[in-house]
Protein backbone atom coordinates (compact mmCIF):
# COMPACT_ATOMS: atom_id res chain seq x y z
CA MET A 1 63.70 100.10 75.69
CA GLN A 2 64.81 96.81 74.22
CA GLU A 3 65.21 96.42 70.50
CA VAL A 4 63.56 93.39 68.93
CA GLN A 5 63.55 91.99 65.46
CA THR A 6 60.23 92.07 63.66
CA LEU A 7 59.01 90.99 60.25
CA ARG A 8 56.59 92.86 58.08
CA ARG A 9 54.64 90.99 55.45
CA THR A 10 54.02 92.85 52.27
CA GLY A 11 52.18 91.96 49.14
CA VAL A 12 49.58 89.66 50.70
CA ARG A 13 47.67 87.85 47.98
CA PRO A 14 44.09 89.04 47.66
CA SER A 15 41.44 86.65 48.94
CA ARG A 16 37.69 86.36 48.39
CA MET A 17 34.90 85.17 50.70
CA ARG A 18 31.53 84.00 49.50
CA ILE A 19 28.60 84.74 51.82
CA ARG A 20 25.30 82.96 51.32
CA TRP A 21 22.32 85.23 51.86
CA MET A 22 19.85 83.43 54.11
CA PHE A 23 17.26 86.12 54.74
CA GLY A 24 15.51 85.31 51.50
CA PHE A 25 15.12 81.61 52.31
CA GLN A 26 11.44 80.70 52.31
CA ARG A 27 10.00 77.86 54.39
CA ARG A 28 6.23 77.47 54.76
CA GLY A 29 5.73 81.19 54.17
CA LEU A 30 8.14 82.23 56.95
CA ARG A 31 11.37 84.20 56.67
CA LEU A 32 14.38 83.09 58.70
CA CYS A 33 14.82 86.35 60.51
CA GLU A 34 16.72 86.63 63.75
CA LYS A 35 13.92 85.47 66.02
CA LEU A 36 13.35 82.33 63.96
CA THR A 37 16.98 81.28 63.93
CA ASP A 38 17.23 81.91 67.66
CA MET A 39 13.95 80.12 68.49
CA PRO A 40 13.00 78.25 65.29
CA ASN A 41 9.62 76.86 64.38
CA PRO A 42 10.03 73.06 64.02
CA GLY A 43 8.02 71.25 61.41
CA CYS A 44 7.67 67.93 59.65
CA LEU A 45 9.83 68.97 56.66
CA PRO A 46 13.62 68.88 57.12
CA GLN A 47 15.74 71.98 56.57
CA MET A 48 17.77 71.97 53.38
CA SER A 49 20.99 73.55 54.65
CA GLN A 50 23.19 73.25 57.70
CA THR A 51 22.85 76.93 58.52
CA ALA A 52 19.09 76.69 58.64
CA ALA A 53 18.98 73.28 60.30
CA ILE A 54 16.86 73.00 63.40
CA ASN A 55 18.53 70.65 65.86
CA GLN A 56 18.39 69.86 69.52
CA ALA A 57 20.68 72.74 70.47
CA PHE A 58 18.11 75.30 69.30
CA HIS A 59 15.37 73.67 71.39
CA THR A 60 17.65 73.44 74.40
CA ARG A 61 18.46 77.15 74.25
CA ALA A 62 14.79 77.94 73.79
CA ARG A 63 13.88 75.96 76.90
CA GLU A 64 16.68 77.66 78.83
CA ARG A 65 15.25 81.07 77.96
CA MET A 66 11.62 80.18 78.53
CA ARG A 67 12.25 78.28 81.81
CA PHE A 68 9.05 76.42 81.10
CA VAL A 69 7.83 73.88 83.63
CA ALA A 70 4.60 72.08 82.83
CA PRO A 71 1.92 72.46 85.52
CA LYS A 72 1.40 69.28 87.48
CA PRO A 73 -2.11 68.00 88.16
CA PRO A 74 -3.47 67.66 91.72
CA GLY A 75 -2.14 64.64 93.52
CA TYR A 76 1.19 64.56 91.72
CA GLY A 77 3.80 62.88 93.86
CA SER A 78 1.23 60.79 95.74
CA THR A 79 1.33 57.00 95.95
CA PRO A 80 0.66 55.40 93.56
CA PRO A 81 1.84 57.91 90.95
CA PRO A 82 -0.55 59.01 88.19
CA LEU A 83 -0.37 57.08 84.95
CA TRP A 84 1.11 59.96 83.01
CA ALA A 85 4.02 60.36 85.41
CA PRO A 86 6.30 57.74 83.81
CA LEU A 87 5.77 59.37 80.42
CA VAL A 88 7.22 62.71 81.46
CA GLY A 89 10.93 62.81 82.16
CA THR A 90 12.35 65.61 84.28
CA ALA A 91 15.77 67.00 83.47
CA PRO A 92 18.13 68.52 86.06
CA GLY A 93 16.83 71.90 87.12
CA GLY A 94 13.16 70.91 86.99
CA ARG A 95 12.68 71.41 83.22
CA THR A 96 10.10 68.92 81.97
CA LEU A 97 10.90 67.11 78.75
CA LEU A 98 7.42 66.77 77.35
CA TYR A 99 8.61 65.42 74.03
CA GLN A 100 9.19 62.01 75.73
CA ARG A 101 5.42 61.61 76.08
CA ASP A 102 4.84 61.76 72.32
CA TYR A 103 7.72 59.37 71.66
CA LEU A 104 6.54 56.77 74.17
CA MET A 105 2.91 57.02 73.07
CA ARG A 106 4.01 56.45 69.48
CA GLN A 107 5.89 53.30 70.57
CA ILE A 108 2.85 51.98 72.43
CA GLU A 109 0.55 52.78 69.50
CA GLN A 110 2.81 50.94 67.03
CA ALA A 111 2.91 47.89 69.31
CA ALA A 112 -0.90 47.95 69.70
CA GLN A 113 -1.38 48.10 65.94
CA ALA A 114 0.99 45.16 65.48
CA LEU A 115 -0.85 43.20 68.16
CA GLY A 116 -4.12 43.86 66.36
CA ARG A 117 -2.69 42.45 63.12
CA ILE A 118 -1.43 39.38 65.02
CA LEU A 119 -4.84 38.73 66.58
CA ARG A 120 -6.59 39.09 63.21
CA LYS A 121 -4.21 36.53 61.74
CA ALA A 122 -4.83 34.17 64.67
CA LEU A 123 -8.61 34.57 64.42
CA GLY A 124 -8.26 33.72 60.74
CA GLY A 125 -7.23 30.23 61.78
CA ASP A 126 -3.45 30.48 61.40
CA PRO A 127 -1.83 30.75 64.88
CA THR A 128 1.56 29.60 63.56
CA ALA A 129 1.74 32.52 61.11
CA ALA A 130 0.54 34.84 63.87
CA LEU A 131 3.37 33.70 66.15
CA ALA A 132 5.88 34.59 63.44
CA MET A 133 4.66 38.21 63.50
CA PHE A 134 5.56 39.04 67.11
CA ASP A 135 8.73 40.85 66.01
CA GLN A 136 6.42 43.67 64.91
CA ALA A 137 5.02 43.99 68.45
CA TYR A 138 8.31 43.73 70.37
CA GLN A 139 10.45 45.97 68.16
CA PRO A 140 8.73 49.31 68.97
CA LEU A 141 8.77 48.63 72.72
CA LEU A 142 12.09 46.85 73.27
CA GLY A 143 14.11 47.41 70.11
CA VAL A 144 14.66 43.66 69.67
CA GLY A 145 12.72 40.81 68.10
CA ALA A 146 10.78 37.94 69.63
CA ARG A 147 13.70 35.51 69.39
CA VAL A 148 15.94 37.80 71.44
CA VAL A 149 13.14 38.50 73.92
CA SER A 150 12.78 34.76 74.54
CA THR A 151 16.42 34.61 75.70
CA LEU A 152 16.17 37.52 78.16
CA ASN A 153 15.26 37.20 81.82
CA GLU A 154 12.86 39.56 83.58
CA THR A 155 15.63 41.82 84.89
CA GLN A 156 17.02 42.29 81.38
CA LEU A 157 13.53 43.01 80.05
CA LEU A 158 13.00 45.71 82.66
CA THR A 159 16.39 47.18 81.76
CA LEU A 160 15.27 47.53 78.14
CA LEU A 161 12.07 49.19 79.37
CA THR A 162 13.90 51.72 81.53
CA SER A 163 13.59 55.39 80.61
CA GLY A 164 15.79 57.48 82.88
CA SER A 165 16.13 55.95 86.32
CA SER A 166 13.20 53.51 86.41
CA PRO A 167 11.20 51.36 83.97
CA ASP A 168 8.34 53.12 82.24
CA LEU A 169 5.13 51.58 83.58
CA ARG A 170 3.07 51.97 80.42
CA ARG A 171 5.73 50.29 78.33
CA VAL A 172 5.88 47.52 80.94
CA ALA A 173 2.09 47.13 80.70
CA SER A 174 2.31 46.95 76.90
CA VAL A 175 5.04 44.28 76.94
CA LEU A 176 3.01 42.40 79.55
CA GLU A 177 0.01 42.29 77.23
CA VAL A 178 2.17 41.18 74.29
CA LEU A 179 3.70 38.37 76.38
CA LYS A 180 0.28 37.23 77.57
CA THR A 181 -1.05 37.21 73.99
CA GLU A 182 1.98 35.26 72.79
CA GLY A 183 1.35 32.72 75.55
CA ASP A 184 -2.29 32.39 74.50
CA LEU A 185 -1.28 31.67 70.90
CA HIS A 186 1.36 29.15 71.97
CA GLN A 187 -1.27 27.39 74.07
CA GLN A 188 -3.68 27.41 71.12
CA ALA A 189 -0.97 25.89 68.92
CA GLY A 190 -0.23 23.19 71.51
CA HIS A 191 3.15 24.57 72.62
CA GLU A 192 2.63 24.06 76.35
CA HIS A 193 6.24 24.73 77.38
CA GLU A 194 6.47 27.98 75.42
CA ALA A 195 3.06 29.08 76.69
CA ALA A 196 4.08 28.48 80.32
CA LYS A 197 7.30 30.44 79.76
CA CYS A 198 5.40 33.44 78.36
CA TYR A 199 2.80 33.32 81.16
CA ARG A 200 5.48 33.18 83.86
CA ARG A 201 7.33 36.20 82.47
CA ALA A 202 4.07 38.11 82.04
CA LEU A 203 3.17 37.27 85.63
CA VAL A 204 6.48 38.68 86.89
CA LEU A 205 5.91 41.92 84.97
CA ALA A 206 2.35 42.07 86.31
CA GLY A 207 3.67 41.77 89.85
CA PHE A 208 6.16 44.52 89.14
CA LEU A 209 3.31 46.76 88.00
CA ALA A 210 1.02 45.84 90.89
CA ALA A 211 3.72 46.67 93.44
CA ARG A 212 4.17 50.17 91.99
CA SER A 213 0.85 51.27 90.51
CA GLN A 214 -2.23 49.08 90.61
CA GLU A 215 -3.93 51.50 88.23
CA ALA A 216 -1.42 50.61 85.50
CA LEU A 217 -2.28 46.90 85.73
CA ASP A 218 -5.07 45.70 83.46
CA ARG A 219 -7.48 43.78 85.69
CA ASP A 220 -8.60 41.31 83.01
CA VAL A 221 -5.00 40.45 82.15
CA ALA A 222 -4.18 40.03 85.86
CA ILE A 223 -7.16 37.71 86.40
CA ALA A 224 -6.14 35.58 83.41
CA LEU A 225 -2.53 35.30 84.60
CA ALA A 226 -3.60 34.38 88.12
CA GLY A 227 -5.81 31.66 86.64
CA HIS A 228 -2.92 30.28 84.58
CA ALA A 229 -0.71 30.27 87.68
CA ALA A 230 -3.31 28.16 89.51
CA LYS A 231 -3.98 25.69 86.69
CA LEU A 232 -0.65 25.35 84.86
CA ASP A 233 2.79 24.36 86.05
CA LEU A 234 4.64 27.61 85.37
CA GLY A 235 7.71 26.62 87.37
CA LEU A 236 7.45 29.59 89.72
CA SER A 237 10.40 30.37 91.95
CA ALA A 238 10.07 31.98 95.37
CA ALA A 239 10.64 35.43 93.84
CA ASP A 240 7.98 34.66 91.20
CA ARG A 241 5.49 33.66 93.91
CA LEU A 242 6.08 37.00 95.60
CA GLN A 243 5.13 38.72 92.32
CA LEU A 244 2.03 36.51 92.16
CA ALA A 245 1.15 37.69 95.68
CA HIS A 246 1.39 41.31 94.47
CA VAL A 247 -1.01 40.53 91.61
CA LEU A 248 -3.51 38.78 93.89
CA GLU A 249 -3.33 41.66 96.35
CA ALA A 250 -4.13 44.11 93.54
CA LEU A 251 -7.15 41.96 92.67
CA GLY A 252 -8.37 42.06 96.28
CA ARG A 253 -7.82 38.32 96.80
CA TYR A 254 -5.95 38.72 100.06
CA ALA A 255 -6.26 35.11 101.24
CA ASP A 256 -4.81 33.80 97.97
CA ALA A 257 -2.06 36.40 98.17
CA GLU A 258 -1.22 35.19 101.68
CA ASP A 259 -0.98 31.60 100.43
CA ALA A 260 1.41 32.61 97.63
CA LEU A 261 3.49 34.64 100.06
CA PHE A 262 3.89 31.83 102.59
CA GLU A 263 4.74 29.37 99.81
CA ALA A 264 7.60 31.68 98.84
CA VAL A 265 8.77 32.06 102.46
CA ASP A 266 8.59 28.29 103.08
CA GLU A 267 10.60 27.63 99.91
CA GLU A 268 13.38 30.01 100.97
CA PRO A 269 13.12 30.48 104.74
CA ALA A 270 16.54 32.13 104.97
CA ASN A 271 15.59 34.84 102.46
CA THR A 272 15.05 37.90 104.65
CA ALA A 273 13.80 39.95 101.69
CA LEU A 274 10.76 37.67 101.40
CA VAL A 275 10.05 38.01 105.13
CA ASP A 276 10.32 41.79 104.91
CA ALA A 277 7.98 41.81 101.89
CA GLY A 278 5.49 39.73 103.86
CA ILE A 279 5.61 42.10 106.81
CA ALA A 280 5.00 45.04 104.49
CA PHE A 281 2.08 43.12 102.94
CA TYR A 282 0.34 42.64 106.29
CA GLN A 283 1.01 46.22 107.31
CA ARG A 284 -0.76 47.38 104.14
CA LEU A 285 -3.68 45.10 104.96
CA LEU A 286 -4.01 46.52 108.46
CA ALA A 287 -4.62 49.93 106.90
CA LEU A 288 -7.79 48.55 105.23
CA SER A 289 -11.22 48.33 106.78
CA PRO A 290 -12.44 45.04 108.32
CA GLU A 291 -15.10 44.86 105.59
CA GLN A 292 -12.49 45.00 102.84
CA LEU A 293 -10.44 42.29 104.50
CA GLU A 294 -13.52 40.07 104.92
CA ALA A 295 -14.33 40.54 101.22
CA GLY A 296 -10.79 39.40 100.40
CA GLY A 297 -11.16 36.29 102.54
CA LEU A 298 -8.75 37.35 105.27
CA PRO A 299 -10.19 38.53 108.62
CA VAL A 300 -8.28 41.14 110.56
CA ASP A 301 -7.44 38.67 113.37
CA GLU A 302 -5.66 36.38 110.91
CA VAL A 303 -3.77 39.37 109.52
CA ARG A 304 -2.45 40.21 112.99
CA GLU A 305 -1.52 36.59 113.72
CA SER A 306 0.34 36.18 110.43
CA LEU A 307 2.15 39.47 110.93
CA ALA A 308 3.30 38.34 114.39
CA GLU A 309 4.54 35.05 112.90
CA LEU A 310 6.65 36.84 110.29
CA LEU A 311 8.02 39.25 112.87
CA ARG A 312 9.29 36.25 114.81
CA LYS A 313 11.04 35.04 111.64
CA GLN A 314 13.01 38.25 111.26
CA VAL A 315 16.73 37.81 111.77
CA VAL A 316 18.04 39.91 114.66
CA PRO A 317 21.50 41.44 113.97
CA ASP A 318 24.31 40.32 116.29
CA ASP A 319 24.79 43.79 117.73
CA GLU A 320 21.14 44.06 118.76
CA GLU A 321 19.32 42.36 121.61
CA PRO A 322 16.21 40.32 120.64
CA TRP A 323 12.81 41.64 121.67
CA ASP A 324 11.24 40.21 124.77
C-alpha cells in the first residue's frame, strides 16, 4: 500500500438553489406535464420562458420517435413529377419535411397578392407607379428586390429558387409570371429594351419548366412568350433558342420547335450539347402517334430524317471507330 497525501475540506459555505416550478404554467388550458415537454403542442403564441420554449429540437425528436413518412399518391416518381413533389423536401432517412409545403405556399401567396396590387395600379392608368412596386412581388420568392433581380442572370435566378438539390418548380413558375408581367408593363410604358430583357428571361425560365414538367408551365403564359419571341428582337442566344424549343414542344408546335432547335445548332455547330438535345427531342417525338405529329406540323418521315441528320453531326471520340 502506498501512502498518499490528501486534503479534506471542512467548513464549506452553505449554498442555496432556486428551482422554478413549471408544472403550474398554464398555456391555452394545457399543463406542461412530461408528455407535453417531450412532444409539445406548437401554437401561434410564443412561449414565455426558455424552459418552456418549443424549438426545432423538440420537433426533430418527435419525428424521430414517430418515424412518420407521409403516404405518396399513385404515380409518385413518374415522369414528369407531380406538382406537389417540389414542395415536399425529403430528409436523410426518408422522413418527409411537410412543413416546407406551408412555407413555400405562403411565399407564393404573398407574391400573388403583390402581383394583384401591381396589376390594379397598372389598370388604374399608372404603369410607372406599378413598376416601382415589383419589389413586393420579388421579395417573397427570391429574397431580393427588382433592382437586384435585373442584374442577375438566369443561372443565378435559379440558384435563388433552389430548395435542397434542385429549383422548386412552383417558385420558378411564380417568378416566371412576375417577369412576364413586368415585361408587359415595360412595354406599355414604352420601355422596349427593358421589356425585351424581361421577356427573354421569362422565356428561359419557361423552357426550364417545360423541360422538367409541362404541367407546371402555364399555357397562356407560354403562348404569350412564344409570340413575343417571334415578333420582338429578344436577342436570343443559342442556349435561349433551345429553351424556346422546349416551350414550343410543350405547346405541341413541333415544327416551330424544330426551327428553333436548328437555329441554335446552326449558330453554334461545335456545341455538342445542342446536338444531343436535338437528338433527344426527335426521340421524344418518335414516341408520339403519327396523328399527334401531323397536328404539330411535323410528319413522322421528317422526324426520322432530321434525327438522322443530327446523328451524323455527333462528334465521334478518337478512341471509337465511326459507324458505317
